[in-house]
Amino acid sequence: MIITTTESIPGHEFEVLGLVVGSTVQAKNIGRDILSGLKGMVGGEITAYTEMLSEARDIALNRMEKEAEKLGANAVIGLRFSTAEAMPGAAELMAYGTAVRLR
């Protein structure tokens, strides 16, 4: 499966199949929150959150790709990511794009 942020794939014509979305909601770990609060006071990267968001991105991408496969797509163009606070202490990460079938 080709996944790209561009609106087309050079050298390929395609049929648009529709919007595909994958998302996940990840909660913060209370132990990580305490350590992150301390890290926030002195500055620097909060690696626990970086790792959590990286994992969430992978899950969302995988779910989006599965939705594209269900439509018979062999590529997704216009990939975008979105994040939002789902509730206090939890964030949603969403991957979305346009499923296409390359000719």
PDB file of N, CA and C in Angstrom:
ATOM      1  N   MET A   1       0.860  -1.175   0.000  1.00  0.00           N
ATOM      2  CA  MET A   1       0.000   0.000   0.000  1.00  0.00           C
ATOM      3  C   MET A   1       0.901   1.231   0.000  1.00  0.00           C
ATOM      4  N   ILE A   2       0.680   2.113  -0.964  1.00  0.00           N
ATOM      5  CA  ILE A   2       1.394   3.388  -1.012  1.00  0.00           C
ATOM      6  C   ILE A   2       0.597   4.387  -0.181  1.00  0.00           C
ATOM      7  N   ILE A   3       1.255   5.064   0.735  1.00  0.00           N
ATOM      8  CA  ILE A   3       0.612   6.103   1.546  1.00  0.00           C
ATOM      9  C   ILE A   3       1.464   7.353   1.429  1.00  0.00           C
ATOM     10  N   THR A   4       0.819   8.446   1.005  1.00  0.00           N
ATOM     11  CA  THR A   4       1.560   9.688   0.777  1.00  0.00           C
ATOM     12  C   THR A   4       0.759  10.901   1.237  1.00  0.00           C
ATOM     13  N   THR A   5       1.469  11.955   1.592  1.00  0.00           N
ATOM     14  CA  THR A   5       0.815  13.200   1.987  1.00  0.00           C
ATOM     15  C   THR A   5       0.429  14.055   0.777  1.00  0.00           C
ATOM     16  N   THR A   6       0.956  13.706  -0.390  1.00  0.00           N
ATOM     17  CA  THR A   6       0.657  14.479  -1.595  1.00  0.00           C
ATOM     18  C   THR A   6      -0.733  14.127  -2.126  1.00  0.00           C
ATOM     19  N   GLU A   7      -1.258  14.994  -2.983  1.00  0.00           N
ATOM     20  CA  GLU A   7      -2.604  14.800  -3.522  1.00  0.00           C
ATOM     21  C   GLU A   7      -2.627  13.921  -4.769  1.00  0.00           C
ATOM     22  N   SER A   8      -1.468  13.496  -5.214  1.00  0.00           N
ATOM     23  CA  SER A   8      -1.375  12.596  -6.362  1.00  0.00           C
ATOM     24  C   SER A   8      -0.063  11.826  -6.252  1.00  0.00           C
ATOM     25  N   ILE A   9       0.079  10.832  -7.125  1.00  0.00           N
ATOM     26  CA  ILE A   9       1.311  10.057  -7.184  1.00  0.00           C
ATOM     27  C   ILE A   9       1.849  10.224  -8.596  1.00  0.00           C
ATOM     28  N   PRO A  10       2.976  10.915  -8.757  1.00  0.00           N
ATOM     29  CA  PRO A  10       3.500  11.198 -10.088  1.00  0.00           C
ATOM     30  C   PRO A  10       3.574   9.945 -10.965  1.00  0.00           C
ATOM     31  N   GLY A  11       3.091  10.086 -12.196  1.00  0.00           N
ATOM     32  CA  GLY A  11       3.140   8.987 -13.150  1.00  0.00           C
ATOM     33  C   GLY A  11       1.995   7.995 -13.040  1.00  0.00           C
ATOM     34  N   HIS A  12       1.053   8.251 -12.134  1.00  0.00           N
ATOM     35  CA  HIS A  12      -0.066   7.323 -11.934  1.00  0.00           C
ATOM     36  C   HIS A  12      -1.403   8.040 -12.056  1.00  0.00           C
ATOM     37  N   GLU A  13      -2.308   7.424 -12.774  1.00  0.00           N
ATOM     38  CA  GLU A  13      -3.708   7.845 -12.750  1.00  0.00           C
ATOM     39  C   GLU A  13      -4.387   6.979 -11.705  1.00  0.00           C
ATOM     40  N   PHE A  14      -5.491   7.468 -11.155  1.00  0.00           N
ATOM     41  CA  PHE A  14      -6.155   6.685 -10.114  1.00  0.00           C
ATOM     42  C   PHE A  14      -7.644   6.956 -10.097  1.00  0.00           C
ATOM     43  N   GLU A  15      -8.343   6.014  -9.478  1.00  0.00           N
ATOM     44  CA  GLU A  15      -9.778   6.127  -9.232  1.00  0.00           C
ATOM     45  C   GLU A  15      -9.947   6.414  -7.748  1.00  0.00           C
ATOM     46  N   VAL A  16     -10.707   7.453  -7.420  1.00  0.00           N
ATOM     47  CA  VAL A  16     -10.957   7.793  -6.017  1.00  0.00           C
ATOM     48  C   VAL A  16     -12.026   6.858  -5.455  1.00  0.00           C
ATOM     49  N   LEU A  17     -11.728   6.251  -4.318  1.00  0.00           N
ATOM     50  CA  LEU A  17     -12.654   5.312  -3.685  1.00  0.00           C
ATOM     51  C   LEU A  17     -13.350   5.914  -2.474  1.00  0.00           C
ATOM     52  N   GLY A  18     -12.739   6.904  -1.840  1.00  0.00           N
ATOM     53  CA  GLY A  18     -13.390   7.560  -0.710  1.00  0.00           C
ATOM     54  C   GLY A  18     -12.462   7.854   0.444  1.00  0.00           C
ATOM     55  N   LEU A  19     -13.022   8.517   1.422  1.00  0.00           N
ATOM     56  CA  LEU A  19     -12.308   8.902   2.640  1.00  0.00           C
ATOM     57  C   LEU A  19     -12.064   7.674   3.502  1.00  0.00           C
ATOM     58  N   VAL A  20     -10.873   7.577   4.058  1.00  0.00           N
ATOM     59  CA  VAL A  20     -10.555   6.524   5.027  1.00  0.00           C
ATOM     60  C   VAL A  20      -9.970   7.157   6.281  1.00  0.00           C
ATOM     61  N   VAL A  21     -10.333   6.593   7.412  1.00  0.00           N
ATOM     62  CA  VAL A  21      -9.933   7.150   8.704  1.00  0.00           C
ATOM     63  C   VAL A  21      -9.502   6.017   9.622  1.00  0.00           C
ATOM     64  N   GLY A  22      -8.492   6.283  10.403  1.00  0.00           N
ATOM     65  CA  GLY A  22      -8.090   5.383  11.482  1.00  0.00           C
ATOM     66  C   GLY A  22      -7.801   6.223  12.701  1.00  0.00           C
ATOM     67  N   SER A  23      -8.256   5.777  13.862  1.00  0.00           N
ATOM     68  CA  SER A  23      -7.995   6.574  15.062  1.00  0.00           C
ATOM     69  C   SER A  23      -7.806   5.678  16.268  1.00  0.00           C
ATOM     70  N   THR A  24      -7.252   6.270  17.293  1.00  0.00           N
ATOM     71  CA  THR A  24      -7.089   5.604  18.581  1.00  0.00           C
ATOM     72  C   THR A  24      -7.114   6.669  19.669  1.00  0.00           C
ATOM     73  N   VAL A  25      -7.548   6.274  20.832  1.00  0.00           N
ATOM     74  CA  VAL A  25      -7.519   7.156  22.002  1.00  0.00           C
ATOM     75  C   VAL A  25      -6.562   6.532  23.002  1.00  0.00           C
ATOM     76  N   GLN A  26      -5.594   7.303  23.424  1.00  0.00           N
ATOM     77  CA  GLN A  26      -4.584   6.832  24.373  1.00  0.00           C
ATOM     78  C   GLN A  26      -4.722   7.631  25.664  1.00  0.00           C
ATOM     79  N   ALA A  27      -4.671   6.931  26.792  1.00  0.00           N
ATOM     80  CA  ALA A  27      -4.754   7.578  28.102  1.00  0.00           C
ATOM     81  C   ALA A  27      -3.365   7.745  28.677  1.00  0.00           C
ATOM     82  N   LYS A  28      -3.219   8.767  29.474  1.00  0.00           N
ATOM     83  CA  LYS A  28      -1.953   9.012  30.155  1.00  0.00           C
ATOM     84  C   LYS A  28      -1.834   8.094  31.364  1.00  0.00           C
ATOM     85  N   ASN A  29      -0.616   7.693  31.672  1.00  0.00           N
ATOM     86  CA  ASN A  29      -0.320   6.853  32.816  1.00  0.00           C
ATOM     87  C   ASN A  29      -0.001   7.761  34.000  1.00  0.00           C
ATOM     88  N   ILE A  30      -0.641   7.543  35.147  1.00  0.00           N
ATOM     89  CA  ILE A  30      -0.450   8.422  36.303  1.00  0.00           C
ATOM     90  C   ILE A  30       1.014   8.484  36.739  1.00  0.00           C
ATOM     91  N   GLY A  31       1.729   7.358  36.684  1.00  0.00           N
ATOM     92  CA  GLY A  31       3.149   7.363  37.037  1.00  0.00           C
ATOM     93  C   GLY A  31       3.946   8.224  36.076  1.00  0.00           C
ATOM     94  N   ARG A  32       3.619   8.093  34.796  1.00  0.00           N
ATOM     95  CA  ARG A  32       4.286   8.918  33.786  1.00  0.00           C
ATOM     96  C   ARG A  32       3.947  10.394  33.996  1.00  0.00           C
ATOM     97  N   ASP A  33       2.681  10.670  34.396  1.00  0.00           N
ATOM     98  CA  ASP A  33       2.265  12.062  34.608  1.00  0.00           C
ATOM     99  C   ASP A  33       3.097  12.745  35.682  1.00  0.00           C
ATOM    100  N   ILE A  34       3.364  12.032  36.755  1.00  0.00           N
ATOM    101  CA  ILE A  34       4.158  12.617  37.846  1.00  0.00           C
ATOM    102  C   ILE A  34       5.564  12.928  37.353  1.00  0.00           C
ATOM    103  N   LEU A  35       6.193  11.964  36.692  1.00  0.00           N
ATOM    104  CA  LEU A  35       7.543  12.188  36.165  1.00  0.00           C
ATOM    105  C   LEU A  35       7.542  13.270  35.090  1.00  0.00           C
ATOM    106  N   SER A  36       6.486  13.302  34.264  1.00  0.00           N
ATOM    107  CA  SER A  36       6.400  14.315  33.216  1.00  0.00           C
ATOM    108  C   SER A  36       6.244  15.706  33.806  1.00  0.00           C
ATOM    109  N   GLY A  37       5.504  15.799  34.908  1.00  0.00           N
ATOM    110  CA  GLY A  37       5.346  17.088  35.575  1.00  0.00           C
ATOM    111  C   GLY A  37       6.681  17.600  36.081  1.00  0.00           C
ATOM    112  N   LEU A  38       7.482  16.705  36.624  1.00  0.00           N
ATOM    113  CA  LEU A  38       8.816  17.095  37.086  1.00  0.00           C
ATOM    114  C   LEU A  38       9.680  17.511  35.905  1.00  0.00           C
ATOM    115  N   LYS A  39       9.592  16.774  34.815  1.00  0.00           N
ATOM    116  CA  LYS A  39      10.379  17.090  33.615  1.00  0.00           C
ATOM    117  C   LYS A  39       9.955  18.453  33.058  1.00  0.00           C
ATOM    118  N   GLY A  40       8.649  18.727  33.129  1.00  0.00           N
ATOM    119  CA  GLY A  40       8.143  20.004  32.637  1.00  0.00           C
ATOM    120  C   GLY A  40       8.696  21.192  33.398  1.00  0.00           C
ATOM    121  N   MET A  41       9.017  20.976  34.656  1.00  0.00           N
ATOM    122  CA  MET A  41       9.571  22.061  35.474  1.00  0.00           C
ATOM    123  C   MET A  41      10.995  22.408  35.066  1.00  0.00           C
ATOM    124  N   VAL A  42      11.761  21.413  34.653  1.00  0.00           N
ATOM    125  CA  VAL A  42      13.160  21.659  34.324  1.00  0.00           C
ATOM    126  C   VAL A  42      13.411  21.726  32.824  1.00  0.00           C
ATOM    127  N   GLY A  43      12.430  21.342  32.019  1.00  0.00           N
ATOM    128  CA  GLY A  43      12.565  21.395  30.565  1.00  0.00           C
ATOM    129  C   GLY A  43      13.081  20.092  29.986  1.00  0.00           C
ATOM    130  N   GLY A  44      12.951  19.973  28.677  1.00  0.00           N
ATOM    131  CA  GLY A  44      13.422  18.769  27.993  1.00  0.00           C
ATOM    132  C   GLY A  44      12.272  17.952  27.449  1.00  0.00           C
ATOM    133  N   GLU A  45      12.636  16.974  26.660  1.00  0.00           N
ATOM    134  CA  GLU A  45      11.634  16.111  26.035  1.00  0.00           C
ATOM    135  C   GLU A  45      11.011  15.182  27.064  1.00  0.00           C
ATOM    136  N   ILE A  46       9.726  15.000  26.960  1.00  0.00           N
ATOM    137  CA  ILE A  46       9.005  14.062  27.811  1.00  0.00           C
ATOM    138  C   ILE A  46       8.865  12.776  27.002  1.00  0.00           C
ATOM    139  N   THR A  47       9.839  11.913  27.142  1.00  0.00           N
ATOM    140  CA  THR A  47       9.932  10.735  26.266  1.00  0.00           C
ATOM    141  C   THR A  47       8.750   9.789  26.411  1.00  0.00           C
ATOM    142  N   ALA A  48       8.161   9.688  27.587  1.00  0.00           N
ATOM    143  CA  ALA A  48       7.006   8.804  27.767  1.00  0.00           C
ATOM    144  C   ALA A  48       5.860   9.235  26.856  1.00  0.00           C
ATOM    145  N   TYR A  49       5.658  10.541  26.718  1.00  0.00           N
ATOM    146  CA  TYR A  49       4.588  11.036  25.848  1.00  0.00           C
ATOM    147  C   TYR A  49       4.968  10.912  24.383  1.00  0.00           C
ATOM    148  N   THR A  50       6.222  11.111  24.076  1.00  0.00           N
ATOM    149  CA  THR A  50       6.688  10.931  22.703  1.00  0.00           C
ATOM    150  C   THR A  50       6.446   9.497  22.259  1.00  0.00           C
ATOM    151  N   GLU A  51       6.784   8.546  23.124  1.00  0.00           N
ATOM    152  CA  GLU A  51       6.572   7.132  22.817  1.00  0.00           C
ATOM    153  C   GLU A  51       5.085   6.814  22.684  1.00  0.00           C
ATOM    154  N   MET A  52       4.263   7.366  23.573  1.00  0.00           N
ATOM    155  CA  MET A  52       2.820   7.125  23.525  1.00  0.00           C
ATOM    156  C   MET A  52       2.234   7.635  22.209  1.00  0.00           C
ATOM    157  N   LEU A  53       2.635   8.822  21.784  1.00  0.00           N
ATOM    158  CA  LEU A  53       2.111   9.394  20.540  1.00  0.00           C
ATOM    159  C   LEU A  53       2.628   8.658  19.318  1.00  0.00           C
ATOM    160  N   SER A  54       3.847   8.177  19.374  1.00  0.00           N
ATOM    161  CA  SER A  54       4.395   7.392  18.272  1.00  0.00           C
ATOM    162  C   SER A  54       3.612   6.090  18.107  1.00  0.00           C
ATOM    163  N   GLU A  55       3.330   5.437  19.210  1.00  0.00           N
ATOM    164  CA  GLU A  55       2.528   4.206  19.176  1.00  0.00           C
ATOM    165  C   GLU A  55       1.118   4.502  18.660  1.00  0.00           C
ATOM    166  N   ALA A  56       0.525   5.586  19.124  1.00  0.00           N
ATOM    167  CA  ALA A  56      -0.818   5.962  18.682  1.00  0.00           C
ATOM    168  C   ALA A  56      -0.833   6.243  17.183  1.00  0.00           C
ATOM    169  N   ARG A  57       0.195   6.897  16.678  1.00  0.00           N
ATOM    170  CA  ARG A  57       0.285   7.181  15.242  1.00  0.00           C
ATOM    171  C   ARG A  57       0.336   5.887  14.433  1.00  0.00           C
ATOM    172  N   ASP A  58       1.125   4.929  14.897  1.00  0.00           N
ATOM    173  CA  ASP A  58       1.229   3.635  14.211  1.00  0.00           C
ATOM    174  C   ASP A  58      -0.114   2.904  14.193  1.00  0.00           C
ATOM    175  N   ILE A  59      -0.821   2.920  15.312  1.00  0.00           N
ATOM    176  CA  ILE A  59      -2.129   2.264  15.394  1.00  0.00           C
ATOM    177  C   ILE A  59      -3.118   2.928  14.448  1.00  0.00           C
ATOM    178  N   ALA A  60      -3.169   4.260  14.466  1.00  0.00           N
ATOM    179  CA  ALA A  60      -4.101   4.991  13.609  1.00  0.00           C
ATOM    180  C   ALA A  60      -3.802   4.744  12.126  1.00  0.00           C
ATOM    181  N   LEU A  61      -2.520   4.760  11.752  1.00  0.00           N
ATOM    182  CA  LEU A  61      -2.140   4.485  10.360  1.00  0.00           C
ATOM    183  C   LEU A  61      -2.556   3.083   9.937  1.00  0.00           C
ATOM    184  N   ASN A  62      -2.321   2.114  10.807  1.00  0.00           N
ATOM    185  CA  ASN A  62      -2.682   0.734  10.510  1.00  0.00           C
ATOM    186  C   ASN A  62      -4.188   0.594  10.312  1.00  0.00           C
ATOM    187  N   ARG A  63      -4.968   1.227  11.155  1.00  0.00           N
ATOM    188  CA  ARG A  63      -6.428   1.159  11.041  1.00  0.00           C
ATOM    189  C   ARG A  63      -6.916   1.839   9.766  1.00  0.00           C
ATOM    190  N   MET A  64      -6.298   2.968   9.416  1.00  0.00           N
ATOM    191  CA  MET A  64      -6.663   3.657   8.179  1.00  0.00           C
ATOM    192  C   MET A  64      -6.353   2.776   6.975  1.00  0.00           C
ATOM    193  N   GLU A  65      -5.177   2.139   6.983  1.00  0.00           N
ATOM    194  CA  GLU A  65      -4.776   1.273   5.882  1.00  0.00           C
ATOM    195  C   GLU A  65      -5.753   0.105   5.721  1.00  0.00           C
ATOM    196  N   LYS A  66      -6.202  -0.475   6.823  1.00  0.00           N
ATOM    197  CA  LYS A  66      -7.172  -1.572   6.764  1.00  0.00           C
ATOM    198  C   LYS A  66      -8.496  -1.104   6.145  1.00  0.00           C
ATOM    199  N   GLU A  67      -8.917   0.109   6.478  1.00  0.00           N
ATOM    200  CA  GLU A  67     -10.141   0.659   5.880  1.00  0.00           C
ATOM    201  C   GLU A  67      -9.966   0.828   4.372  1.00  0.00           C
ATOM    202  N   ALA A  68      -8.790   1.283   3.957  1.00  0.00           N
ATOM    203  CA  ALA A  68      -8.504   1.455   2.529  1.00  0.00           C
ATOM    204  C   ALA A  68      -8.531   0.106   1.816  1.00  0.00           C
ATOM    205  N   GLU A  69      -7.950  -0.914   2.435  1.00  0.00           N
ATOM    206  CA  GLU A  69      -7.950  -2.257   1.845  1.00  0.00           C
ATOM    207  C   GLU A  69      -9.366  -2.785   1.665  1.00  0.00           C
ATOM    208  N   LYS A  70     -10.251  -2.508   2.627  1.00  0.00           N
ATOM    209  CA  LYS A  70     -11.647  -2.945   2.529  1.00  0.00           C
ATOM    210  C   LYS A  70     -12.337  -2.337   1.306  1.00  0.00           C
ATOM    211  N   LEU A  71     -11.906  -1.137   0.912  1.00  0.00           N
ATOM    212  CA  LEU A  71     -12.480  -0.476  -0.266  1.00  0.00           C
ATOM    213  C   LEU A  71     -11.830  -0.943  -1.570  1.00  0.00           C
ATOM    214  N   GLY A  72     -10.789  -1.761  -1.461  1.00  0.00           N
ATOM    215  CA  GLY A  72     -10.072  -2.228  -2.643  1.00  0.00           C
ATOM    216  C   GLY A  72      -8.987  -1.289  -3.107  1.00  0.00           C
ATOM    217  N   ALA A  73      -8.541  -0.414  -2.219  1.00  0.00           N
ATOM    218  CA  ALA A  73      -7.504   0.569  -2.561  1.00  0.00           C
ATOM    219  C   ALA A  73      -6.124  -0.069  -2.549  1.00  0.00           C
ATOM    220  N   ASN A  74      -5.234   0.518  -3.340  1.00  0.00           N
ATOM    221  CA  ASN A  74      -3.829   0.121  -3.268  1.00  0.00           C
ATOM    222  C   ASN A  74      -2.944   1.333  -2.927  1.00  0.00           C
ATOM    223  N   ALA A  75      -3.607   2.459  -2.586  1.00  0.00           N
ATOM    224  CA  ALA A  75      -2.876   3.655  -2.160  1.00  0.00           C
ATOM    225  C   ALA A  75      -3.814   4.569  -1.377  1.00  0.00           C
ATOM    226  N   VAL A  76      -3.208   5.411  -0.551  1.00  0.00           N
ATOM    227  CA  VAL A  76      -3.930   6.483   0.143  1.00  0.00           C
ATOM    228  C   VAL A  76      -3.162   7.762  -0.125  1.00  0.00           C
ATOM    229  N   ILE A  77      -3.865   8.769  -0.629  1.00  0.00           N
ATOM    230  CA  ILE A  77      -3.234  10.060  -0.894  1.00  0.00           C
ATOM    231  C   ILE A  77      -3.784  11.102   0.076  1.00  0.00           C
ATOM    232  N   GLY A  78      -3.058  12.192   0.211  1.00  0.00           N
ATOM    233  CA  GLY A  78      -3.509  13.287   1.069  1.00  0.00           C
ATOM    234  C   GLY A  78      -3.536  12.938   2.547  1.00  0.00           C
ATOM    235  N   LEU A  79      -2.635  12.079   2.997  1.00  0.00           N
ATOM    236  CA  LEU A  79      -2.602  11.681   4.406  1.00  0.00           C
ATOM    237  C   LEU A  79      -2.438  12.897   5.308  1.00  0.00           C
ATOM    238  N   ARG A  80      -3.244  12.941   6.347  1.00  0.00           N
ATOM    239  CA  ARG A  80      -3.151  13.982   7.370  1.00  0.00           C
ATOM    240  C   ARG A  80      -3.310  13.329   8.737  1.00  0.00           C
ATOM    241  N   PHE A  81      -2.782  13.992   9.750  1.00  0.00           N
ATOM    242  CA  PHE A  81      -2.959  13.567  11.137  1.00  0.00           C
ATOM    243  C   PHE A  81      -3.671  14.666  11.890  1.00  0.00           C
ATOM    244  N   SER A  82      -4.459  14.261  12.869  1.00  0.00           N
ATOM    245  CA  SER A  82      -5.153  15.203  13.727  1.00  0.00           C
ATOM    246  C   SER A  82      -5.100  14.673  15.154  1.00  0.00           C
ATOM    247  N   THR A  83      -4.972  15.567  16.109  1.00  0.00           N
ATOM    248  CA  THR A  83      -5.025  15.166  17.509  1.00  0.00           C
ATOM    249  C   THR A  83      -6.037  16.034  18.233  1.00  0.00           C
ATOM    250  N   ALA A  84      -6.626  15.466  19.266  1.00  0.00           N
ATOM    251  CA  ALA A  84      -7.589  16.206  20.077  1.00  0.00           C
ATOM    252  C   ALA A  84      -7.650  15.572  21.457  1.00  0.00           C
ATOM    253  N   GLU A  85      -7.993  16.373  22.440  1.00  0.00           N
ATOM    254  CA  GLU A  85      -8.206  15.832  23.774  1.00  0.00           C
ATOM    255  C   GLU A  85      -9.579  15.177  23.778  1.00  0.00           C
ATOM    256  N   ALA A  86      -9.633  13.866  23.981  1.00  0.00           N
ATOM    257  CA  ALA A  86     -10.894  13.135  23.983  1.00  0.00           C
ATOM    258  C   ALA A  86     -11.634  13.345  25.297  1.00  0.00           C
ATOM    259  N   MET A  87     -10.879  13.424  26.374  1.00  0.00           N
ATOM    260  CA  MET A  87     -11.386  13.690  27.720  1.00  0.00           C
ATOM    261  C   MET A  87     -10.163  14.033  28.565  1.00  0.00           C
ATOM    262  N   PRO A  88     -10.350  14.563  29.752  1.00  0.00           N
ATOM    263  CA  PRO A  88      -9.169  14.880  30.548  1.00  0.00           C
ATOM    264  C   PRO A  88      -8.266  13.655  30.734  1.00  0.00           C
ATOM    265  N   GLY A  89      -7.011  13.799  30.354  1.00  0.00           N
ATOM    266  CA  GLY A  89      -6.050  12.725  30.516  1.00  0.00           C
ATOM    267  C   GLY A  89      -5.980  11.739  29.367  1.00  0.00           C
ATOM    268  N   ALA A  90      -6.746  11.996  28.285  1.00  0.00           N
ATOM    269  CA  ALA A  90      -6.728  11.086  27.140  1.00  0.00           C
ATOM    270  C   ALA A  90      -6.749  11.884  25.843  1.00  0.00           C
ATOM    271  N   ALA A  91      -5.962  11.431  24.881  1.00  0.00           N
ATOM    272  CA  ALA A  91      -5.875  12.117  23.593  1.00  0.00           C
ATOM    273  C   ALA A  91      -6.239  11.162  22.458  1.00  0.00           C
ATOM    274  N   GLU A  92      -6.928  11.706  21.459  1.00  0.00           N
ATOM    275  CA  GLU A  92      -7.227  10.942  20.252  1.00  0.00           C
ATOM    276  C   GLU A  92      -6.235  11.354  19.176  1.00  0.00           C
ATOM    277  N   LEU A  93      -5.715  10.372  18.459  1.00  0.00           N
ATOM    278  CA  LEU A  93      -4.885  10.640  17.301  1.00  0.00           C
ATOM    279  C   LEU A  93      -5.588  10.004  16.106  1.00  0.00           C
ATOM    280  N   MET A  94      -5.803  10.787  15.060  1.00  0.00           N
ATOM    281  CA  MET A  94      -6.521  10.324  13.886  1.00  0.00           C
ATOM    282  C   MET A  94      -5.643  10.472  12.649  1.00  0.00           C
ATOM    283  N   ALA A  95      -5.650   9.451  11.801  1.00  0.00           N
ATOM    284  CA  ALA A  95      -5.004   9.496  10.492  1.00  0.00           C
ATOM    285  C   ALA A  95      -6.116   9.412   9.462  1.00  0.00           C
ATOM    286  N   TYR A  96      -6.073  10.276   8.440  1.00  0.00           N
ATOM    287  CA  TYR A  96      -7.111  10.232   7.418  1.00  0.00           C
ATOM    288  C   TYR A  96      -6.552  10.635   6.072  1.00  0.00           C
ATOM    289  N   GLY A  97      -7.187  10.141   5.028  1.00  0.00           N
ATOM    290  CA  GLY A  97      -6.762  10.435   3.678  1.00  0.00           C
ATOM    291  C   GLY A  97      -7.786   9.929   2.688  1.00  0.00           C
ATOM    292  N   THR A  98      -7.421   9.947   1.419  1.00  0.00           N
ATOM    293  CA  THR A  98      -8.298   9.501   0.345  1.00  0.00           C
ATOM    294  C   THR A  98      -7.787   8.182  -0.199  1.00  0.00           C
ATOM    295  N   ALA A  99      -8.648   7.157  -0.121  1.00  0.00           N
ATOM    296  CA  ALA A  99      -8.306   5.847  -0.671  1.00  0.00           C
ATOM    297  C   ALA A  99      -8.463   5.898  -2.175  1.00  0.00           C
ATOM    298  N   VAL A 100      -7.457   5.379  -2.891  1.00  0.00           N
ATOM    299  CA  VAL A 100      -7.494   5.363  -4.349  1.00  0.00           C
ATOM    300  C   VAL A 100      -7.034   4.010  -4.867  1.00  0.00           C
ATOM    301  N   ARG A 101      -7.465   3.707  -6.095  1.00  0.00           N
ATOM    302  CA  ARG A 101      -6.966   2.519  -6.784  1.00  0.00           C
ATOM    303  C   ARG A 101      -6.150   3.008  -7.964  1.00  0.00           C
ATOM    304  N   LEU A 102      -4.851   2.724  -7.938  1.00  0.00           N
ATOM    305  CA  LEU A 102      -3.970   3.149  -9.018  1.00  0.00           C
ATOM    306  C   LEU A 102      -4.258   2.317 -10.258  1.00  0.00           C
ATOM    307  N   ARG A 103      -4.202   2.972 -11.410  1.00  0.00           N
ATOM    308  CA  ARG A 103      -4.421   2.262 -12.671  1.00  0.00           C
ATOM    309  C   ARG A 103      -3.109   1.847 -13.264  1.00  0.00           C
TER     310      ARG A 103
END
